[in-house]
Amino acid sequence: MLPEKNISLEEFLKGLKELQVMSHLRFRRSQSGDPDEHDLIFLVCTKEPKKGAHIGRTCLCCIGNASINDYENFKDCMSTEHYDAILNLLFNFTYTDVKYKAINK
């Protein structure tokens, strides 16, 4: 599957902020140099009743490496449109070419 559009890291983080989702960056590959590690971005819910819960995660150094958490009652803390917008942003960034979404071009 291809994304609707390519999204850079800056665009992804800006989109998360606009959707009131906090990003938690964990750059293990970049810090260790170990190719078996990944540079991950966790999406953290900022709304009750699931404030602080990880909505999902995506990898900055891979294509297609992402997951979404489906907690019980998770969608209760946001509208369906809001949740779908988060999923769309996550999907587009996840399937963006690694060179385009890299921190340093």
N, C-alpha and C. Protein backbone atom coordinates (compact mmCIF):
# COMPACT_ATOMS: atom_id res chain seq x y z
N MET A 1 0.85 -1.18 0.00
CA MET A 1 0.00 0.00 0.00
C MET A 1 0.89 1.24 0.00
N LEU A 2 0.44 2.25 -0.70
CA LEU A 2 1.19 3.48 -0.77
C LEU A 2 0.46 4.58 0.01
N PRO A 3 1.22 5.48 0.61
CA PRO A 3 0.58 6.58 1.33
C PRO A 3 -0.09 7.54 0.37
N GLU A 4 -1.07 8.27 0.91
CA GLU A 4 -1.73 9.30 0.09
C GLU A 4 -0.73 10.38 -0.29
N LYS A 5 0.20 10.66 0.62
CA LYS A 5 1.26 11.63 0.34
C LYS A 5 2.44 11.32 1.25
N ASN A 6 3.63 11.74 0.82
CA ASN A 6 4.81 11.58 1.65
C ASN A 6 4.81 12.65 2.73
N ILE A 7 5.21 12.25 3.92
CA ILE A 7 5.21 13.17 5.06
C ILE A 7 6.59 13.15 5.70
N SER A 8 7.21 14.32 5.84
CA SER A 8 8.51 14.43 6.49
C SER A 8 8.32 14.32 8.00
N LEU A 9 9.43 14.14 8.70
CA LEU A 9 9.37 14.07 10.16
C LEU A 9 8.77 15.36 10.74
N GLU A 10 9.19 16.49 10.21
CA GLU A 10 8.69 17.77 10.71
C GLU A 10 7.18 17.88 10.52
N GLU A 11 6.69 17.45 9.34
CA GLU A 11 5.25 17.49 9.06
C GLU A 11 4.49 16.53 9.97
N PHE A 12 5.08 15.37 10.22
CA PHE A 12 4.46 14.36 11.07
C PHE A 12 4.32 14.89 12.50
N LEU A 13 5.40 15.44 13.05
CA LEU A 13 5.35 15.96 14.42
C LEU A 13 4.39 17.14 14.54
N LYS A 14 4.36 18.01 13.52
CA LYS A 14 3.42 19.13 13.51
C LYS A 14 1.98 18.61 13.46
N GLY A 15 1.72 17.60 12.63
CA GLY A 15 0.39 17.01 12.53
C GLY A 15 -0.05 16.38 13.84
N LEU A 16 0.87 15.70 14.52
CA LEU A 16 0.54 15.11 15.83
C LEU A 16 0.15 16.20 16.82
N LYS A 17 0.93 17.28 16.83
CA LYS A 17 0.64 18.39 17.76
C LYS A 17 -0.73 18.99 17.48
N GLU A 18 -1.05 19.17 16.20
CA GLU A 18 -2.36 19.72 15.82
C GLU A 18 -3.50 18.79 16.24
N LEU A 19 -3.22 17.48 16.26
CA LEU A 19 -4.23 16.49 16.67
C LEU A 19 -4.21 16.23 18.18
N GLN A 20 -3.43 17.01 18.89
CA GLN A 20 -3.31 16.91 20.35
C GLN A 20 -2.80 15.52 20.77
N VAL A 21 -1.81 15.06 20.03
CA VAL A 21 -1.13 13.80 20.35
C VAL A 21 0.32 14.15 20.63
N MET A 22 0.83 13.67 21.75
CA MET A 22 2.21 13.94 22.11
C MET A 22 3.11 12.86 21.51
N SER A 23 4.25 13.26 21.00
CA SER A 23 5.21 12.30 20.46
C SER A 23 6.27 12.00 21.51
N HIS A 24 6.65 10.75 21.60
CA HIS A 24 7.73 10.31 22.48
C HIS A 24 8.76 9.64 21.58
N LEU A 25 9.93 10.25 21.47
CA LEU A 25 10.96 9.78 20.55
C LEU A 25 11.93 8.85 21.27
N ARG A 26 12.23 7.74 20.64
CA ARG A 26 13.18 6.78 21.21
C ARG A 26 14.12 6.35 20.08
N PHE A 27 15.27 7.01 20.01
CA PHE A 27 16.22 6.79 18.92
C PHE A 27 17.30 5.79 19.31
N ARG A 28 16.97 4.55 19.38
CA ARG A 28 17.93 3.52 19.77
C ARG A 28 18.95 3.21 18.69
N ARG A 29 18.52 3.13 17.43
CA ARG A 29 19.46 2.83 16.34
C ARG A 29 20.47 3.96 16.20
N SER A 30 19.99 5.19 16.21
CA SER A 30 20.88 6.34 16.05
C SER A 30 21.88 6.44 17.20
N GLN A 31 21.45 6.12 18.41
CA GLN A 31 22.34 6.21 19.57
C GLN A 31 23.34 5.07 19.63
N SER A 32 22.91 3.86 19.33
CA SER A 32 23.78 2.70 19.49
C SER A 32 24.54 2.34 18.21
N GLY A 33 24.00 2.71 17.05
CA GLY A 33 24.58 2.31 15.79
C GLY A 33 24.26 0.87 15.41
N ASP A 34 23.46 0.21 16.24
CA ASP A 34 23.09 -1.19 16.02
C ASP A 34 21.97 -1.26 15.00
N PRO A 35 22.21 -1.89 13.83
CA PRO A 35 21.17 -1.95 12.79
C PRO A 35 19.96 -2.81 13.18
N ASP A 36 20.08 -3.58 14.25
CA ASP A 36 18.94 -4.38 14.71
C ASP A 36 17.98 -3.57 15.57
N GLU A 37 18.40 -2.39 15.99
CA GLU A 37 17.55 -1.49 16.77
C GLU A 37 16.73 -0.62 15.82
N HIS A 38 15.76 0.10 16.37
CA HIS A 38 14.93 0.99 15.57
C HIS A 38 14.81 2.35 16.24
N ASP A 39 14.61 3.36 15.42
CA ASP A 39 14.31 4.71 15.91
C ASP A 39 12.79 4.84 15.89
N LEU A 40 12.19 4.83 17.06
CA LEU A 40 10.73 4.78 17.16
C LEU A 40 10.14 6.10 17.63
N ILE A 41 8.94 6.36 17.15
CA ILE A 41 8.14 7.49 17.62
C ILE A 41 6.86 6.90 18.18
N PHE A 42 6.64 7.10 19.47
CA PHE A 42 5.41 6.64 20.11
C PHE A 42 4.42 7.78 20.13
N LEU A 43 3.16 7.47 19.88
CA LEU A 43 2.09 8.44 19.90
C LEU A 43 1.38 8.31 21.23
N VAL A 44 1.36 9.38 22.01
CA VAL A 44 0.82 9.35 23.37
C VAL A 44 -0.46 10.18 23.43
N CYS A 45 -1.51 9.56 23.93
CA CYS A 45 -2.80 10.22 24.07
C CYS A 45 -2.72 11.31 25.14
N THR A 46 -3.31 12.47 24.85
CA THR A 46 -3.32 13.57 25.82
C THR A 46 -4.71 13.84 26.38
N LYS A 47 -5.66 12.96 26.07
CA LYS A 47 -7.05 13.17 26.50
C LYS A 47 -7.50 12.08 27.45
N GLU A 48 -8.32 12.46 28.41
CA GLU A 48 -8.91 11.48 29.34
C GLU A 48 -9.95 10.67 28.59
N PRO A 49 -10.23 9.46 28.92
CA PRO A 49 -9.75 8.72 30.10
C PRO A 49 -8.46 7.95 29.87
N LYS A 50 -7.86 8.10 28.69
CA LYS A 50 -6.65 7.32 28.37
C LYS A 50 -5.41 8.20 28.29
N LYS A 51 -5.42 9.32 29.00
CA LYS A 51 -4.28 10.24 28.97
C LYS A 51 -3.01 9.50 29.39
N GLY A 52 -1.97 9.64 28.57
CA GLY A 52 -0.69 9.00 28.85
C GLY A 52 -0.53 7.64 28.19
N ALA A 53 -1.61 7.08 27.66
CA ALA A 53 -1.53 5.77 27.01
C ALA A 53 -0.93 5.92 25.61
N HIS A 54 -0.17 4.92 25.20
CA HIS A 54 0.39 4.93 23.85
C HIS A 54 -0.70 4.55 22.85
N ILE A 55 -0.98 5.46 21.93
CA ILE A 55 -1.95 5.20 20.87
C ILE A 55 -1.35 4.21 19.88
N GLY A 56 -0.08 4.39 19.61
CA GLY A 56 0.61 3.52 18.66
C GLY A 56 2.05 3.95 18.53
N ARG A 57 2.73 3.38 17.53
CA ARG A 57 4.11 3.74 17.30
C ARG A 57 4.43 3.55 15.83
N THR A 58 5.49 4.23 15.39
CA THR A 58 5.99 4.07 14.03
C THR A 58 7.50 4.17 14.05
N CYS A 59 8.12 3.64 13.03
CA CYS A 59 9.58 3.62 12.94
C CYS A 59 10.06 4.66 11.95
N LEU A 60 11.07 5.40 12.35
CA LEU A 60 11.65 6.43 11.49
C LEU A 60 12.62 5.84 10.48
N CYS A 61 13.19 4.67 10.76
CA CYS A 61 14.23 4.10 9.90
C CYS A 61 13.73 2.95 9.02
N CYS A 62 12.44 2.65 9.04
CA CYS A 62 11.88 1.56 8.24
C CYS A 62 10.61 2.04 7.53
N ILE A 63 10.21 1.28 6.53
CA ILE A 63 8.93 1.53 5.88
C ILE A 63 7.99 0.42 6.30
N GLY A 64 6.80 0.78 6.74
CA GLY A 64 5.78 -0.20 7.07
C GLY A 64 5.86 -0.77 8.47
N ASN A 65 6.73 -0.24 9.32
CA ASN A 65 6.88 -0.75 10.68
C ASN A 65 6.13 0.16 11.64
N ALA A 66 4.88 -0.20 11.92
CA ALA A 66 4.07 0.60 12.82
C ALA A 66 3.02 -0.29 13.47
N SER A 67 2.44 0.22 14.53
CA SER A 67 1.33 -0.49 15.16
C SER A 67 0.41 0.54 15.80
N ILE A 68 -0.83 0.13 15.98
CA ILE A 68 -1.82 0.97 16.66
C ILE A 68 -2.38 0.14 17.81
N ASN A 69 -2.48 0.75 18.97
CA ASN A 69 -3.04 0.07 20.14
C ASN A 69 -4.55 0.26 20.15
N ASP A 70 -5.25 -0.79 20.45
CA ASP A 70 -6.71 -0.74 20.46
C ASP A 70 -7.20 -1.04 21.88
N TYR A 71 -6.96 -0.10 22.78
CA TYR A 71 -7.39 -0.27 24.16
C TYR A 71 -8.91 -0.24 24.26
N GLU A 72 -9.42 -0.96 25.22
CA GLU A 72 -10.87 -0.92 25.46
C GLU A 72 -11.26 0.51 25.81
N ASN A 73 -12.30 0.99 25.18
CA ASN A 73 -12.83 2.35 25.39
C ASN A 73 -11.87 3.44 24.93
N PHE A 74 -10.85 3.10 24.16
CA PHE A 74 -9.87 4.09 23.75
C PHE A 74 -10.51 5.18 22.90
N LYS A 75 -11.39 4.79 21.99
CA LYS A 75 -12.01 5.76 21.10
C LYS A 75 -12.99 6.69 21.83
N ASP A 76 -13.31 6.36 23.08
CA ASP A 76 -14.24 7.20 23.84
C ASP A 76 -13.66 8.56 24.18
N CYS A 77 -12.36 8.70 24.12
CA CYS A 77 -11.76 9.97 24.51
C CYS A 77 -11.58 10.93 23.32
N MET A 78 -12.08 10.52 22.13
CA MET A 78 -12.00 11.41 20.97
C MET A 78 -13.08 11.03 19.96
N SER A 79 -13.34 11.94 19.06
CA SER A 79 -14.33 11.66 18.02
C SER A 79 -13.77 10.66 17.01
N THR A 80 -14.66 10.04 16.28
CA THR A 80 -14.25 9.11 15.23
C THR A 80 -13.41 9.83 14.19
N GLU A 81 -13.77 11.06 13.84
CA GLU A 81 -13.02 11.83 12.86
C GLU A 81 -11.60 12.12 13.34
N HIS A 82 -11.48 12.44 14.63
CA HIS A 82 -10.17 12.72 15.22
C HIS A 82 -9.31 11.46 15.20
N TYR A 83 -9.88 10.34 15.62
CA TYR A 83 -9.17 9.07 15.62
C TYR A 83 -8.75 8.68 14.21
N ASP A 84 -9.63 8.84 13.24
CA ASP A 84 -9.32 8.51 11.85
C ASP A 84 -8.21 9.42 11.31
N ALA A 85 -8.19 10.68 11.72
CA ALA A 85 -7.14 11.61 11.28
C ALA A 85 -5.78 11.17 11.82
N ILE A 86 -5.75 10.70 13.06
CA ILE A 86 -4.51 10.18 13.65
C ILE A 86 -4.04 8.96 12.87
N LEU A 87 -4.96 8.03 12.59
CA LEU A 87 -4.60 6.83 11.84
C LEU A 87 -4.09 7.17 10.44
N ASN A 88 -4.73 8.13 9.77
CA ASN A 88 -4.32 8.53 8.44
C ASN A 88 -2.92 9.14 8.45
N LEU A 89 -2.65 10.00 9.41
CA LEU A 89 -1.33 10.60 9.54
C LEU A 89 -0.28 9.52 9.82
N LEU A 90 -0.60 8.61 10.73
CA LEU A 90 0.32 7.52 11.06
C LEU A 90 0.59 6.65 9.83
N PHE A 91 -0.45 6.29 9.11
CA PHE A 91 -0.29 5.46 7.92
C PHE A 91 0.58 6.14 6.87
N ASN A 92 0.28 7.40 6.58
CA ASN A 92 1.05 8.12 5.57
C ASN A 92 2.52 8.23 5.94
N PHE A 93 2.82 8.52 7.21
CA PHE A 93 4.21 8.63 7.62
C PHE A 93 4.90 7.27 7.61
N THR A 94 4.21 6.24 8.05
CA THR A 94 4.77 4.90 8.13
C THR A 94 5.22 4.40 6.76
N TYR A 95 4.45 4.71 5.72
CA TYR A 95 4.76 4.22 4.39
C TYR A 95 5.48 5.25 3.51
N THR A 96 5.95 6.34 4.11
CA THR A 96 6.77 7.31 3.40
C THR A 96 8.18 6.74 3.26
N ASP A 97 8.81 6.99 2.11
CA ASP A 97 10.17 6.52 1.88
C ASP A 97 11.09 7.02 2.99
N VAL A 98 11.98 6.13 3.44
CA VAL A 98 12.87 6.42 4.56
C VAL A 98 13.72 7.66 4.28
N LYS A 99 14.18 7.84 3.06
CA LYS A 99 15.01 9.01 2.73
C LYS A 99 14.24 10.31 2.89
N TYR A 100 12.93 10.29 2.61
CA TYR A 100 12.12 11.50 2.70
C TYR A 100 11.82 11.85 4.15
N LYS A 101 11.60 10.82 5.00
CA LYS A 101 11.23 11.10 6.39
C LYS A 101 12.42 11.17 7.33
N ALA A 102 13.64 11.05 6.80
CA ALA A 102 14.85 11.09 7.62
C ALA A 102 15.03 12.45 8.27
N ILE A 103 15.72 12.45 9.39
CA ILE A 103 16.01 13.69 10.11
C ILE A 103 16.99 14.53 9.30
N ASN A 104 18.05 13.91 8.83
CA ASN A 104 19.05 14.60 8.02
C ASN A 104 18.98 14.10 6.60
N LYS A 105 18.71 15.00 5.68
CA LYS A 105 18.60 14.61 4.27
C LYS A 105 19.96 14.62 3.62
